[in-house]
Protein backbone atom coordinates (compact mmCIF):
# COMPACT_ATOMS: atom_id res chain seq x y z
CA MET A 1 0.00 0.00 0.00
CA THR A 2 2.91 2.31 0.73
CA VAL A 3 4.24 1.90 -2.80
CA LEU A 4 0.83 2.75 -4.28
CA LEU A 5 0.57 5.85 -2.08
CA VAL A 6 4.05 7.00 -3.09
CA ILE A 7 3.16 6.58 -6.78
CA TRP A 8 -0.07 8.50 -6.24
CA ALA A 9 1.77 11.34 -4.47
CA ALA A 10 4.52 11.46 -7.08
CA VAL A 11 2.08 11.64 -9.97
CA GLY A 12 -0.52 13.86 -8.32
CA LEU A 13 1.78 16.36 -6.65
CA GLY A 14 5.08 15.77 -8.41
CA ALA A 15 4.07 15.55 -12.06
CA GLY A 16 1.13 17.95 -11.80
CA VAL A 17 2.72 20.66 -9.65
CA LEU A 18 6.39 20.31 -8.70
CA PHE A 19 7.82 19.08 -12.01
CA ALA A 20 5.22 20.64 -14.29
CA ASP A 21 7.65 23.17 -15.75
CA SER A 22 10.13 20.44 -16.68
CA LEU A 23 7.40 18.21 -18.10
CA ASN A 24 5.98 21.06 -20.19
CA ALA A 25 8.94 20.65 -22.55
CA PHE A 26 7.08 17.56 -23.82
CA SER A 27 3.56 17.37 -25.16
CA LEU A 28 0.84 14.73 -25.20
CA GLY A 29 -2.12 15.13 -27.51
CA GLY A 30 -1.10 18.69 -28.30
CA TYR A 31 -1.03 19.77 -24.64
CA PRO A 32 2.03 20.32 -22.44
CA LEU A 33 2.74 17.17 -20.43
CA GLY A 34 2.74 19.01 -17.07
CA PHE A 35 -0.72 20.42 -17.81
CA TRP A 36 -1.94 17.00 -18.97
CA PHE A 37 -0.81 15.34 -15.73
CA ALA A 38 -2.39 18.07 -13.65
CA GLN A 39 -5.72 17.82 -15.47
CA GLN A 40 -6.12 14.21 -16.60
CA GLY A 41 -3.01 12.13 -16.03
CA SER A 42 -3.21 12.09 -12.26
CA ILE A 43 -6.84 10.96 -12.44
CA VAL A 44 -6.00 8.17 -14.89
CA VAL A 45 -3.11 7.01 -12.70
CA PHE A 46 -5.34 7.17 -9.61
CA VAL A 47 -7.97 4.95 -11.26
CA LEU A 48 -5.25 2.48 -12.33
CA LEU A 49 -3.90 2.42 -8.77
CA ILE A 50 -7.38 1.65 -7.46
CA LEU A 51 -7.62 -1.22 -9.95
CA ILE A 52 -4.22 -2.59 -8.90
CA TYR A 53 -5.18 -2.28 -5.23
CA ALA A 54 -8.46 -4.13 -5.80
CA VAL A 55 -6.73 -6.97 -7.68
CA LEU A 56 -4.09 -7.35 -4.97
CA LEU A 57 -6.69 -7.37 -2.20
CA ASN A 58 -8.78 -9.95 -4.06
CA ARG A 59 -5.73 -12.20 -4.21
CA LEU A 60 -5.09 -11.67 -0.50
CA ASP A 61 -8.74 -12.38 0.34
CA ALA A 62 -8.64 -15.58 -1.69
CA ALA A 63 -5.50 -16.74 0.12
CA HIS A 64 -7.07 -16.03 3.52
CA HIS A 65 -10.28 -17.74 2.47
CA ARG A 66 -8.34 -20.88 1.54
CA ASP A 67 -6.53 -20.80 4.89
CA LEU A 68 -9.80 -20.34 6.77
CA GLU A 69 -11.42 -23.26 4.93
CA GLU A 70 -8.44 -25.46 5.75
CA ILE A 71 -8.67 -24.53 9.43
CA ARG A 72 -12.42 -25.26 9.43
CA ARG A 73 -11.85 -28.67 7.81
CA LYS A 74 -9.20 -29.56 10.39
CA THR A 75 -11.45 -28.41 13.23
CA GLU A 76 -14.40 -30.45 11.94
CA ALA A 77 -12.23 -33.54 11.46
CA ALA A 78 -10.75 -33.24 14.96
CA GLY A 79 -14.03 -32.39 16.70
């Protein structure tokens, strides 16, 4: 989660505000890259980070669900 938060901060604050002047030397879709990140890029990255977070948590939930089922089976067999 820390890595995702650092990426979010770097893109949202870094690319959109702090490094905007440097990024404006490049363009994307006819707009300066710093402006693009401030207006749309940070939102796109944020949505992608939410997707990555959801996928990772689904994997973690599935692993815990398997562990819980195994514990229940052992408890039922022993009891």
